[in-house]
Protein backbone atom coordinates (compact mmCIF):
# COMPACT_ATOMS: atom_id res chain seq x y z
CA MET A 1 26.79 51.90 -99.09
CA ASN A 2 26.05 48.20 -99.70
CA ASP A 3 27.29 45.47 -97.34
CA SER A 4 30.27 44.50 -99.47
CA ILE A 5 31.59 48.05 -99.66
CA ALA A 6 30.93 48.57 -95.93
CA GLU A 7 32.85 45.41 -95.05
CA LEU A 8 35.74 46.39 -97.30
CA ASP A 9 35.76 49.85 -95.70
CA GLU A 10 35.98 48.20 -92.26
CA LEU A 11 38.81 45.98 -93.45
CA THR A 12 40.86 48.88 -94.75
CA LYS A 13 40.32 50.80 -91.51
CA ASN A 14 41.36 47.90 -89.29
CA LEU A 15 44.46 47.22 -91.41
CA ASN A 16 45.26 50.92 -91.81
CA ILE A 17 45.26 50.61 -95.60
CA THR A 18 45.04 53.88 -97.54
CA ASP A 19 43.21 54.33 -100.84
CA LYS A 20 46.56 54.59 -102.65
CA GLN A 21 47.74 51.28 -101.16
CA LEU A 22 44.43 49.61 -102.01
CA ILE A 23 44.88 50.03 -105.77
CA LYS A 24 48.38 48.57 -105.71
CA GLU A 25 48.94 44.95 -106.69
CA LYS A 26 50.91 44.19 -103.51
CA MET A 27 51.24 45.70 -100.06
CA ASN A 28 53.01 44.72 -96.84
CA ILE A 29 50.92 44.01 -93.74
CA PRO A 30 52.44 43.25 -90.32
CA ARG A 31 52.49 39.56 -89.40
CA TYR A 32 50.45 40.23 -86.23
CA ARG A 33 47.43 40.88 -88.54
CA MET A 34 47.53 37.23 -89.64
CA MET A 35 44.88 35.90 -87.24
CA TYR A 36 42.61 38.87 -87.86
CA LEU A 37 42.72 38.21 -91.60
CA ASP A 38 42.09 34.53 -91.04
CA SER A 39 38.96 35.37 -89.00
CA LEU A 40 37.50 36.99 -92.14
CA LYS A 41 37.66 33.86 -94.32
CA ARG A 42 33.96 33.15 -93.83
CA ASN A 43 32.85 36.69 -94.68
CA GLU A 44 29.66 36.60 -96.76
CA ASN A 45 30.12 39.97 -98.44
CA PHE A 46 33.52 39.63 -100.07
CA ARG A 47 35.96 36.84 -100.80
CA LEU A 48 39.38 36.66 -99.19
CA GLN A 49 41.67 34.33 -101.08
CA ARG A 50 44.38 32.83 -98.84
CA SER A 51 47.58 31.43 -100.29
CA GLU A 52 49.02 28.07 -99.24
CA ASP A 53 51.87 29.85 -97.43
CA PHE A 54 49.33 31.89 -95.46
CA LYS A 55 47.32 28.76 -94.57
CA LYS A 56 50.50 26.97 -93.52
CA ALA A 57 51.49 29.87 -91.25
CA VAL A 58 48.05 29.85 -89.60
CA ARG A 59 48.14 26.06 -89.12
CA LYS A 60 51.60 26.28 -87.55
CA TYR A 61 50.39 29.01 -85.20
CA ARG A 62 47.33 26.99 -84.15
CA SER A 63 49.38 23.81 -83.69
CA GLY A 64 51.57 25.65 -81.23
CA LEU A 65 48.52 26.36 -79.10
CA GLU A 66 47.21 22.82 -79.36
CA GLY A 67 50.45 21.37 -78.05
CA THR A 68 53.39 19.73 -79.78
CA GLU A 69 56.75 18.39 -78.61
CA ALA A 70 58.23 21.84 -79.13
CA THR A 71 55.82 23.37 -76.63
CA GLU A 72 56.20 20.96 -73.70
CA VAL A 73 56.56 22.74 -70.37
CA PRO A 74 60.04 22.72 -68.80
CA ALA A 75 60.76 19.27 -67.31
CA SER A 76 61.23 20.64 -63.79
CA LEU A 77 57.64 22.00 -63.87
CA ASP A 78 56.04 18.95 -65.45
CA ASP A 79 54.51 17.73 -62.18
CA THR A 80 53.62 21.23 -60.97
CA MET A 81 51.54 22.77 -63.74
CA ARG A 82 47.90 21.97 -64.28
CA ASP A 83 46.39 21.42 -67.73
CA TYR A 84 45.02 24.94 -68.12
CA GLN A 85 48.39 26.35 -67.01
CA ARG A 86 50.13 24.19 -69.63
CA TYR A 87 47.84 25.66 -72.25
CA GLY A 88 48.62 29.16 -70.94
CA PHE A 89 52.34 28.42 -71.26
CA ARG A 90 51.85 27.16 -74.85
CA TRP A 91 49.87 30.28 -75.66
CA LEU A 92 52.64 32.52 -74.29
CA LYS A 93 55.35 30.55 -76.07
CA THR A 94 53.53 30.50 -79.41
CA LEU A 95 53.04 34.25 -79.32
CA SER A 96 56.67 34.85 -78.33
CA ALA A 97 57.91 32.55 -81.14
CA TYR A 98 56.25 34.89 -83.65
CA GLY A 99 57.45 38.00 -81.85
CA PHE A 100 53.90 38.83 -80.72
CA GLY A 101 52.88 40.12 -77.31
CA GLY A 102 49.67 39.48 -75.42
CA ILE A 103 47.55 39.88 -72.32
CA LEU A 104 47.26 36.93 -69.92
CA ALA A 105 44.03 37.95 -68.19
CA ASP A 106 43.25 34.85 -66.10
CA ASP A 107 41.17 35.33 -62.99
CA MET A 108 43.24 35.85 -59.87
CA GLY A 109 44.49 32.68 -58.25
CA LEU A 110 44.87 30.71 -61.49
CA GLY A 111 48.66 31.03 -61.64
CA LYS A 112 49.56 33.84 -64.05
CA THR A 113 52.91 34.12 -62.24
CA LEU A 114 53.70 30.41 -62.64
CA GLN A 115 52.83 30.42 -66.35
CA SER A 116 55.09 33.41 -66.86
CA ILE A 117 57.94 31.84 -64.91
CA ALA A 118 57.60 28.71 -67.08
CA LEU A 119 58.08 30.82 -70.20
CA MET A 120 61.15 32.56 -68.78
CA LEU A 121 62.66 29.21 -67.81
CA ASP A 122 61.86 27.73 -71.22
CA ALA A 123 63.48 30.71 -72.96
CA LYS A 124 66.64 30.23 -70.94
CA ASN A 125 66.72 26.48 -71.61
CA HIS A 126 66.44 26.97 -75.37
CA SER A 127 68.79 29.89 -75.85
CA ASP A 128 72.44 29.44 -76.75
CA LYS A 129 73.28 32.83 -75.28
CA HIS A 130 72.51 34.68 -72.05
CA ILE A 131 69.12 36.35 -72.26
CA GLN A 132 67.31 38.42 -69.66
CA SER A 133 63.70 38.93 -68.66
CA LEU A 134 62.24 41.96 -66.92
CA VAL A 135 59.28 41.91 -64.52
CA VAL A 136 57.61 45.18 -63.52
CA CYS A 137 54.97 44.91 -60.81
CA PRO A 138 53.47 46.84 -57.86
CA ALA A 139 56.01 47.42 -55.10
CA THR A 140 54.04 45.11 -52.81
CA LEU A 141 54.64 42.17 -55.17
CA THR A 142 58.36 42.46 -55.95
CA LEU A 143 59.48 40.02 -53.28
CA ASN A 144 56.60 37.71 -54.08
CA TRP A 145 57.92 37.39 -57.64
CA GLU A 146 61.42 36.66 -56.34
CA ASN A 147 60.09 34.02 -53.96
CA GLU A 148 57.95 32.37 -56.65
CA ILE A 149 60.91 32.21 -59.06
CA ASN A 150 63.10 30.66 -56.36
CA ARG A 151 60.32 28.20 -55.53
CA PHE A 152 59.29 27.08 -59.01
CA ALA A 153 62.42 27.73 -61.10
CA PRO A 154 65.58 27.75 -58.97
CA GLU A 155 67.52 27.45 -62.25
CA LEU A 156 66.66 31.12 -62.84
CA LYS A 157 68.66 33.78 -61.01
CA PRO A 158 66.44 36.74 -60.04
CA LEU A 159 67.55 40.25 -59.01
CA THR A 160 65.04 42.42 -57.15
CA VAL A 161 65.87 46.11 -57.55
CA ILE A 162 64.65 47.75 -54.35
CA GLY A 163 66.07 50.04 -51.67
CA THR A 164 67.69 53.46 -51.71
CA VAL A 165 69.03 55.12 -54.85
CA ALA A 166 72.57 54.09 -53.92
CA ALA A 167 71.46 50.51 -53.21
CA ARG A 168 69.63 50.26 -56.53
CA ASP A 169 72.62 51.67 -58.39
CA GLN A 170 74.82 49.01 -56.83
CA LEU A 171 72.35 46.24 -57.69
CA LEU A 172 72.06 47.34 -61.30
CA GLU A 173 75.84 47.36 -61.70
CA SER A 174 75.76 43.55 -61.42
CA ALA A 175 72.48 43.08 -63.30
CA ASP A 176 74.16 41.33 -66.23
CA GLU A 177 74.80 38.31 -64.00
CA TYR A 178 71.08 37.64 -63.53
CA ASP A 179 68.36 36.00 -65.62
CA VAL A 180 65.40 38.00 -64.34
CA ILE A 181 65.32 41.62 -63.19
CA ILE A 182 62.36 42.50 -60.92
CA THR A 183 61.38 46.10 -60.17
CA SER A 184 58.29 48.08 -59.28
CA TYR A 185 56.39 50.57 -61.43
CA SER A 186 57.31 53.50 -59.19
CA THR A 187 60.98 52.47 -58.97
CA LEU A 188 61.28 51.98 -62.73
CA THR A 189 59.81 55.43 -63.29
CA ARG A 190 62.57 56.93 -61.14
CA ASP A 191 65.30 54.70 -62.59
CA ILE A 192 64.33 54.70 -66.26
CA ALA A 193 67.55 56.44 -67.37
CA LYS A 194 69.54 53.55 -65.86
CA TYR A 195 67.87 51.09 -68.23
CA GLU A 196 69.13 52.84 -71.38
CA GLY A 197 71.23 50.41 -73.37
CA ARG A 198 69.69 47.36 -71.68
CA ASN A 199 67.83 44.92 -73.89
CA PHE A 200 65.43 42.29 -72.57
CA TYR A 201 64.02 39.32 -74.42
CA LEU A 202 60.87 38.88 -72.29
CA HIS A 203 59.17 41.80 -70.56
CA PHE A 204 56.24 41.18 -68.17
CA ILE A 205 54.12 43.76 -66.40
CA ASP A 206 52.02 42.41 -63.50
CA GLU A 207 48.74 44.05 -62.47
CA ALA A 208 48.86 45.77 -65.86
CA GLN A 209 45.99 48.10 -64.94
CA TYR A 210 48.75 50.24 -63.40
CA ILE A 211 49.39 51.61 -66.93
CA LYS A 212 45.71 52.04 -67.88
CA ASN A 213 46.23 55.82 -68.15
CA HIS A 214 48.60 56.09 -71.10
CA GLY A 215 49.63 59.67 -70.33
CA THR A 216 51.24 58.91 -66.95
CA GLN A 217 54.98 58.79 -66.40
CA MET A 218 54.56 55.24 -65.13
CA ALA A 219 53.04 54.07 -68.43
CA LYS A 220 55.65 55.96 -70.45
CA ALA A 221 58.50 54.42 -68.46
CA VAL A 222 57.25 50.87 -68.93
CA LYS A 223 56.86 51.40 -72.67
CA ALA A 224 60.31 52.98 -73.01
CA ILE A 225 62.10 49.73 -72.11
CA HIS A 226 63.83 47.94 -75.00
CA SER A 227 62.33 44.44 -75.10
CA GLN A 228 61.58 41.93 -77.84
CA VAL A 229 58.43 40.25 -76.47
CA ARG A 230 56.01 41.82 -74.04
CA PHE A 231 53.20 40.36 -71.96
CA ALA A 232 50.74 42.03 -69.63
CA LEU A 233 49.28 40.13 -66.66
CA THR A 234 46.01 41.33 -65.20
CA GLY A 235 42.73 39.97 -63.94
CA THR A 236 41.01 43.22 -64.98
CA PRO A 237 42.13 44.27 -68.50
CA VAL A 238 39.34 46.87 -68.65
CA GLU A 239 38.08 48.55 -65.48
CA ASN A 240 36.43 51.78 -66.62
CA SER A 241 37.03 52.53 -70.31
CA LEU A 242 38.27 51.06 -73.59
CA ALA A 243 41.14 53.55 -73.45
CA GLU A 244 42.65 51.29 -70.77
CA LEU A 245 42.68 48.36 -73.20
CA TRP A 246 44.36 50.55 -75.81
CA SER A 247 47.07 51.58 -73.33
CA ILE A 248 47.89 47.97 -72.42
CA PHE A 249 48.02 46.98 -76.10
CA ASP A 250 50.21 49.99 -76.73
CA PHE A 251 52.65 48.26 -74.37
CA VAL A 252 52.38 44.65 -75.58
CA MET A 253 52.33 45.49 -79.31
CA PRO A 254 52.83 49.20 -80.07
CA ASP A 255 50.85 50.39 -83.11
CA TYR A 256 48.70 47.24 -83.23
CA LEU A 257 45.62 49.29 -82.33
CA PHE A 258 47.19 52.36 -84.01
CA ASN A 259 47.42 55.68 -82.19
CA TYR A 260 44.85 56.55 -79.54
CA ASN A 261 42.99 59.15 -81.63
CA ARG A 262 42.43 56.58 -84.39
CA PHE A 263 41.41 53.92 -81.84
CA LYS A 264 38.94 56.34 -80.26
CA LYS A 265 37.44 57.22 -83.65
CA ASN A 266 37.18 53.65 -84.95
CA PHE A 267 36.28 51.76 -81.77
CA GLU A 268 35.83 53.63 -78.50
CA THR A 269 33.34 56.29 -79.63
CA PRO A 270 31.22 54.00 -81.84
CA ILE A 271 31.09 51.31 -79.13
CA VAL A 272 30.50 53.52 -76.08
CA SER A 273 28.41 56.31 -77.57
CA LYS A 274 26.61 54.58 -80.44
CA LYS A 275 26.49 50.95 -79.25
CA ASP A 276 27.79 49.99 -82.69
CA ASP A 277 27.68 46.18 -82.91
CA LYS A 278 29.95 46.08 -85.97
CA ALA A 279 32.61 48.05 -84.12
CA VAL A 280 32.34 45.63 -81.19
CA LYS A 281 32.84 42.63 -83.47
CA ALA A 282 35.70 44.31 -85.31
CA LEU A 283 37.49 45.07 -82.03
CA GLN A 284 36.93 41.54 -80.77
CA ARG A 285 38.37 40.07 -83.99
CA SER A 286 41.42 42.29 -83.60
CA VAL A 287 42.23 41.67 -79.94
CA SER A 288 40.92 38.17 -79.18
CA PRO A 289 43.97 36.30 -80.58
CA PHE A 290 46.16 38.21 -78.13
CA ILE A 291 44.08 37.95 -74.94
CA LEU A 292 43.78 34.74 -72.91
CA ARG A 293 41.22 34.86 -70.11
CA ARG A 294 39.99 31.93 -68.04
CA MET A 295 37.71 32.24 -65.03
CA LYS A 296 37.83 29.96 -62.00
CA LYS A 297 34.43 28.48 -62.81
CA GLU A 298 35.75 27.38 -66.22
CA VAL A 299 38.68 25.40 -64.80
CA LEU A 300 37.24 24.60 -61.38
CA SER A 301 37.54 20.87 -61.91
CA GLU A 302 41.31 21.27 -62.18
CA LEU A 303 41.68 23.41 -59.11
CA PRO A 304 42.23 22.19 -55.56
CA ASP A 305 39.42 22.99 -53.15
CA LYS A 306 41.53 25.61 -51.47
CA THR A 307 44.61 27.41 -52.77
CA GLU A 308 47.03 29.21 -50.41
CA THR A 309 49.43 31.95 -51.45
CA ILE A 310 52.01 33.72 -49.31
CA LEU A 311 52.58 37.37 -50.26
CA THR A 312 55.76 38.96 -48.93
CA SER A 313 56.29 42.71 -48.47
CA ALA A 314 59.55 44.54 -47.80
CA MET A 315 59.62 47.09 -44.96
CA ASP A 316 60.77 50.56 -45.92
CA ALA A 317 63.83 52.05 -44.25
CA GLU A 318 62.01 53.71 -41.32
CA GLN A 319 59.90 50.64 -40.53
CA ARG A 320 62.92 48.35 -40.79
CA LYS A 321 64.95 50.62 -38.46
CA ILE A 322 62.27 50.54 -35.76
CA TYR A 323 61.79 46.79 -36.11
CA ALA A 324 65.53 46.09 -35.84
CA ALA A 325 65.83 48.21 -32.67
CA ASN A 326 62.98 46.30 -30.98
CA ALA A 327 64.35 42.94 -32.08
CA GLU A 328 67.72 43.78 -30.54
CA GLN A 329 66.02 44.84 -27.31
CA LEU A 330 64.31 41.44 -27.17
CA ARG A 331 67.60 39.63 -27.74
CA GLN A 332 69.17 41.47 -24.81
CA SER A 333 66.16 40.74 -22.61
CA LEU A 334 66.38 37.03 -23.39
CA GLY A 335 69.96 37.00 -22.19
CA SER A 336 69.02 38.22 -18.74
CA ALA A 337 65.50 36.81 -18.40
CA GLY A 338 64.63 34.14 -15.88
CA ASP A 339 62.15 31.32 -16.34
CA SER A 340 59.33 32.61 -14.15
CA PRO A 341 55.78 33.05 -15.55
CA GLU A 342 56.19 36.82 -15.15
CA GLU A 343 59.35 36.84 -17.29
CA ARG A 344 57.62 34.64 -19.87
CA ILE A 345 54.71 37.08 -20.09
CA LYS A 346 57.18 39.94 -20.58
CA ILE A 347 58.89 38.08 -23.44
CA LEU A 348 55.51 37.30 -25.01
CA ALA A 349 54.61 41.00 -24.90
CA MET A 350 57.86 41.88 -26.69
CA LEU A 351 57.20 39.23 -29.37
CA THR A 352 53.72 40.66 -29.84
CA ARG A 353 55.27 44.11 -30.21
CA LEU A 354 57.49 42.83 -33.04
CA ARG A 355 54.49 41.30 -34.77
CA GLN A 356 52.62 44.60 -34.49
CA LEU A 357 55.57 46.46 -36.01
CA CYS A 358 55.36 44.11 -39.01
CA CYS A 359 51.67 45.01 -39.39
CA ASP A 360 51.99 48.76 -38.98
CA PRO A 361 54.30 50.69 -36.58
CA HIS A 362 51.34 52.95 -35.72
CA LEU A 363 50.10 50.08 -33.54
CA VAL A 364 53.10 50.67 -31.26
CA TYR A 365 54.11 54.29 -31.87
CA GLU A 366 51.35 56.87 -32.20
CA ASN A 367 53.79 59.51 -33.53
CA TYR A 368 55.24 57.24 -36.22
CA GLU A 369 55.37 59.17 -39.51
CA GLY A 370 56.48 56.45 -41.91
CA GLY A 371 54.44 53.94 -43.87
CA SER A 372 53.56 50.26 -43.66
CA ALA A 373 54.59 48.07 -46.58
CA LYS A 374 52.14 45.37 -45.59
CA LEU A 375 49.20 47.76 -45.31
CA GLU A 376 49.81 49.03 -48.83
CA GLN A 377 50.12 45.45 -50.09
CA CYS A 378 46.83 44.60 -48.39
CA ILE A 379 45.00 47.58 -49.89
CA ASP A 380 46.32 46.73 -53.37
CA LEU A 381 45.21 43.11 -52.97
CA VAL A 382 41.74 44.04 -51.72
CA ASP A 383 41.31 46.49 -54.60
CA SER A 384 42.39 43.87 -57.13
CA CYS A 385 40.02 41.25 -55.65
CA ILE A 386 37.07 43.63 -55.65
CA ASN A 387 37.74 44.70 -59.25
CA SER A 388 37.70 41.02 -60.23
CA GLY A 389 34.26 40.57 -58.67
CA HIS A 390 35.28 38.74 -55.48
CA LYS A 391 34.13 39.14 -51.88
CA ILE A 392 36.69 38.98 -49.08
CA LEU A 393 37.16 37.93 -45.48
CA LEU A 394 40.07 39.80 -43.90
CA PHE A 395 41.38 38.46 -40.58
CA SER A 396 43.74 40.04 -38.08
CA GLN A 397 44.50 39.24 -34.46
CA PHE A 398 44.78 42.95 -33.67
CA THR A 399 41.51 44.90 -33.55
CA SER A 400 43.60 48.08 -33.63
CA MET A 401 44.93 46.94 -37.02
CA LEU A 402 41.39 46.36 -38.25
CA ALA A 403 40.64 49.94 -37.20
CA ILE A 404 43.50 51.26 -39.36
CA ILE A 405 42.32 49.18 -42.34
CA ARG A 406 38.75 50.35 -41.73
CA ARG A 407 39.81 54.00 -41.98
CA ARG A 408 41.52 53.30 -45.32
CA PHE A 409 38.39 51.56 -46.59
CA ASP A 410 36.31 54.62 -45.61
CA GLU A 411 38.66 56.84 -47.62
CA LEU A 412 38.48 54.53 -50.65
CA GLY A 413 34.73 53.91 -50.51
CA ILE A 414 35.08 50.16 -49.91
CA SER A 415 32.02 48.70 -48.19
CA TYR A 416 32.57 46.40 -45.21
CA PHE A 417 31.25 44.75 -42.08
CA GLU A 418 33.40 44.38 -38.97
CA LEU A 419 33.23 41.67 -36.33
CA THR A 420 35.21 41.74 -33.07
CA GLY A 421 34.80 40.31 -29.58
CA GLU A 422 32.57 43.29 -28.78
CA THR A 423 30.00 42.39 -31.45
CA LYS A 424 26.72 41.17 -29.94
CA PRO A 425 25.41 37.72 -31.04
CA LYS A 426 22.31 39.08 -32.83
CA GLU A 427 24.40 41.63 -34.70
CA ARG A 428 26.86 38.91 -35.59
CA ILE A 429 24.12 36.79 -37.19
CA ARG A 430 22.58 39.78 -38.99
CA MET A 431 25.92 40.76 -40.57
CA MET A 432 26.66 37.16 -41.57
CA ASN A 433 23.31 36.77 -43.35
CA GLU A 434 23.52 40.14 -45.06
CA PHE A 435 27.13 39.63 -46.21
CA ASN A 436 26.19 36.37 -47.92
CA THR A 437 23.39 38.00 -49.89
CA ASP A 438 24.13 41.73 -50.33
CA SER A 439 26.83 43.74 -52.11
CA THR A 440 29.12 44.39 -49.12
CA GLN A 441 32.65 43.78 -50.39
CA VAL A 442 34.75 42.92 -47.31
CA PHE A 443 34.18 41.39 -43.86
CA LEU A 444 36.81 42.54 -41.35
CA ILE A 445 37.10 39.94 -38.61
CA SER A 446 39.11 39.57 -35.43
CA LEU A 447 40.69 36.10 -35.62
CA LYS A 448 39.64 35.03 -32.14
CA ALA A 449 36.11 36.39 -32.50
CA GLY A 450 35.42 34.98 -35.95
CA GLY A 451 37.37 31.75 -36.04
CA THR A 452 34.29 29.62 -35.42
CA GLY A 453 30.50 29.74 -35.68
CA LEU A 454 30.25 31.64 -38.97
CA ASN A 455 29.12 30.55 -42.41
CA LEU A 456 30.38 33.14 -44.89
CA THR A 457 30.29 31.28 -48.20
CA GLY A 458 29.33 34.54 -49.93
CA ALA A 459 33.10 35.23 -50.03
CA ASP A 460 35.71 33.26 -51.91
CA ILE A 461 38.85 35.17 -50.89
CA VAL A 462 40.44 34.98 -47.42
CA ILE A 463 43.24 37.32 -46.36
CA HIS A 464 45.21 36.66 -43.18
CA TYR A 465 46.82 40.00 -42.44
CA ASP A 466 49.18 38.56 -39.83
CA PRO A 467 50.25 34.94 -39.15
CA TRP A 468 49.21 33.26 -35.91
CA TRP A 469 51.32 30.83 -33.91
CA ASN A 470 48.74 28.12 -34.27
CA ILE A 471 48.01 27.00 -37.83
CA SER A 472 44.79 25.32 -36.67
CA ALA A 473 43.33 28.68 -35.66
CA GLU A 474 44.10 30.10 -39.11
CA ASN A 475 42.58 27.07 -40.84
CA GLN A 476 39.44 27.35 -38.73
CA ALA A 477 39.13 30.99 -39.79
CA SER A 478 39.62 30.12 -43.48
CA ASP A 479 36.93 27.46 -43.10
CA ARG A 480 34.33 30.20 -42.55
CA VAL A 481 34.45 30.36 -46.36
CA TYR A 482 35.56 26.84 -47.30
CA ARG A 483 32.56 24.82 -46.17
CA ILE A 484 29.34 23.22 -47.41
CA GLY A 485 27.52 25.68 -49.65
CA GLN A 486 30.69 27.14 -51.18
CA ARG A 487 30.46 26.88 -54.97
CA ASN A 488 33.66 28.71 -55.88
CA ASN A 489 37.30 27.87 -55.45
CA VAL A 490 38.65 29.48 -52.29
CA GLN A 491 41.83 31.54 -52.46
CA VAL A 492 43.68 32.14 -49.18
CA TYR A 493 46.36 34.85 -48.96
CA LYS A 494 48.80 35.16 -46.10
CA LEU A 495 50.58 38.50 -45.80
CA VAL A 496 54.10 38.33 -44.38
CA ALA A 497 56.79 40.96 -43.78
CA ASP A 498 60.16 40.02 -45.28
CA LYS A 499 63.12 39.24 -42.99
CA SER A 500 60.92 39.31 -39.90
CA ILE A 501 59.51 37.17 -37.12
CA GLU A 502 56.48 36.52 -39.32
CA GLN A 503 58.44 34.38 -41.77
CA ASN A 504 59.70 32.25 -38.90
CA ILE A 505 56.20 31.92 -37.49
CA LEU A 506 55.26 30.32 -40.82
CA LYS A 507 58.17 27.88 -40.43
CA LEU A 508 56.94 27.10 -36.92
CA GLN A 509 53.46 26.48 -38.30
CA GLU A 510 54.85 24.14 -40.95
CA ALA A 511 56.90 22.20 -38.40
CA LYS A 512 53.91 21.72 -36.09
CA LYS A 513 50.96 21.41 -38.46
CA ASN A 514 50.99 17.61 -38.37
CA LEU A 515 51.43 17.33 -34.62
CA SER A 516 48.44 16.41 -32.48
CA ASP A 517 49.59 18.40 -29.45
CA ILE A 518 49.21 21.94 -30.89
CA ALA A 519 47.85 24.17 -28.16
CA VAL A 520 44.31 25.43 -28.55
CA ASN A 521 45.46 28.84 -27.40
CA GLY A 522 48.34 30.13 -29.52
CA GLU A 523 50.21 31.69 -26.62
CA GLY A 524 50.56 28.26 -25.02
CA ASP A 525 53.17 27.23 -27.57
CA ILE A 526 55.27 30.30 -26.91
CA MET A 527 55.02 29.99 -23.14
CA ARG A 528 56.65 26.55 -23.45
CA MET A 529 59.45 27.58 -25.81
CA SER A 530 63.07 27.84 -24.65
CA ALA A 531 65.14 31.01 -24.98
CA ASP A 532 67.04 29.48 -27.92
CA GLU A 533 63.79 28.63 -29.70
CA ILE A 534 62.53 32.18 -29.21
CA LEU A 535 65.85 33.52 -30.53
CA SER A 536 65.42 31.38 -33.64
CA LEU A 537 62.22 33.31 -34.36
CA LEU A 538 64.31 36.47 -34.69
């Protein structure tokens, strides 16, 4: 077979053209093949003649990406979005204008959520009727999406579908009043029948690797939703196999990569088993117009030196019940407490107990049989960071919490070092040097033991599992990574339990961060607080 015939054979395969269709004078090809066809215009082995209408359509598509008046970001976000985020928004909007879907595969920390929110807000601003968007994400991120929408686009009204079956039923009864519906993969799988008859304009799935196995009920539920335009958000579009890429495309644009058996025959097997370079190039030509991926190093000049993100998790029913009971006990104690040092120490112990319950009730109750929303959020985040090629410092004030996390890491095969107040100085230095140069993925560190005297620029992700009273102590800990020698942008995550003392600790931090009289020891602030101020934390 000569090169011309081989190239024509590849073209017919990638466009799913049969021999009978090939001999016809005209045939219909889906519009989403437009950019693939345009990529063939410089083919040396056969000539592809493009009409003026085709060229005009391609120019219009490209002009949308390059930026015109029609693709300006919403005015309320004009001062918020960075240049690369503006381009991401234009990319999303251009695809949606043509009815195409796509994969926004930016590295973590570059603002995939913000770019998506901008598109949802823009769609609302330019629609003469009420339209709805749907966001499906891991359970640990549902409240984070709600908070980010409220922060960046208060014009949008979000509804987060969480809670018991009865609670979710009640929420969905009023869903028509909202602009954005937010739910988790697992909840959608259970509730899929309740979405029959609902039609969404924009449909986002976050951490899209959750549907990498196309045969799961989770993947089937996500794909069963009626939606006009679909986007997948993920920092790791392919983790283990090309089948994962097919499954995500099967969501964003069903049939674009044909059925899985055909995809496996034309792409996966030739690429994986035979290292077929032509198959690689053919797949790249097909998918590249619909995948946008930027790494931090590519846009580093636009990034701040250090980016902070607050991730909120919702306690499940059992954890919430225990937390509420302990909070009420503290309220009653405050009513009868005196102002002696002994009483103050007692109150501090009860506040610490509440903070531990936010982390994991097992820290307080050995026989606790429920789960910890924050722990699951933390594990998901660590897994996502590792899969994106990052190294992590994970701080907690509670060494017992580090022990729980350590056991989960052992189960999952995640490599780590651990530093606490019991770690000897020589061991401390050895671990620091090895972490900066070897393949160990996570450094678990007690906040008080590791807040100073460490240079750990081998990591570029910092996770604060629990907030500390004193923001300076947290900043000192984060600076183990953000210091001379750090070449990458640093991403700091703070994990916070929703509707808890932790959220109010963050408010306390914010109120005091510019004051020069912050106590060196975090407990000092609390020992000076009045009963009313302590109550406000609850």
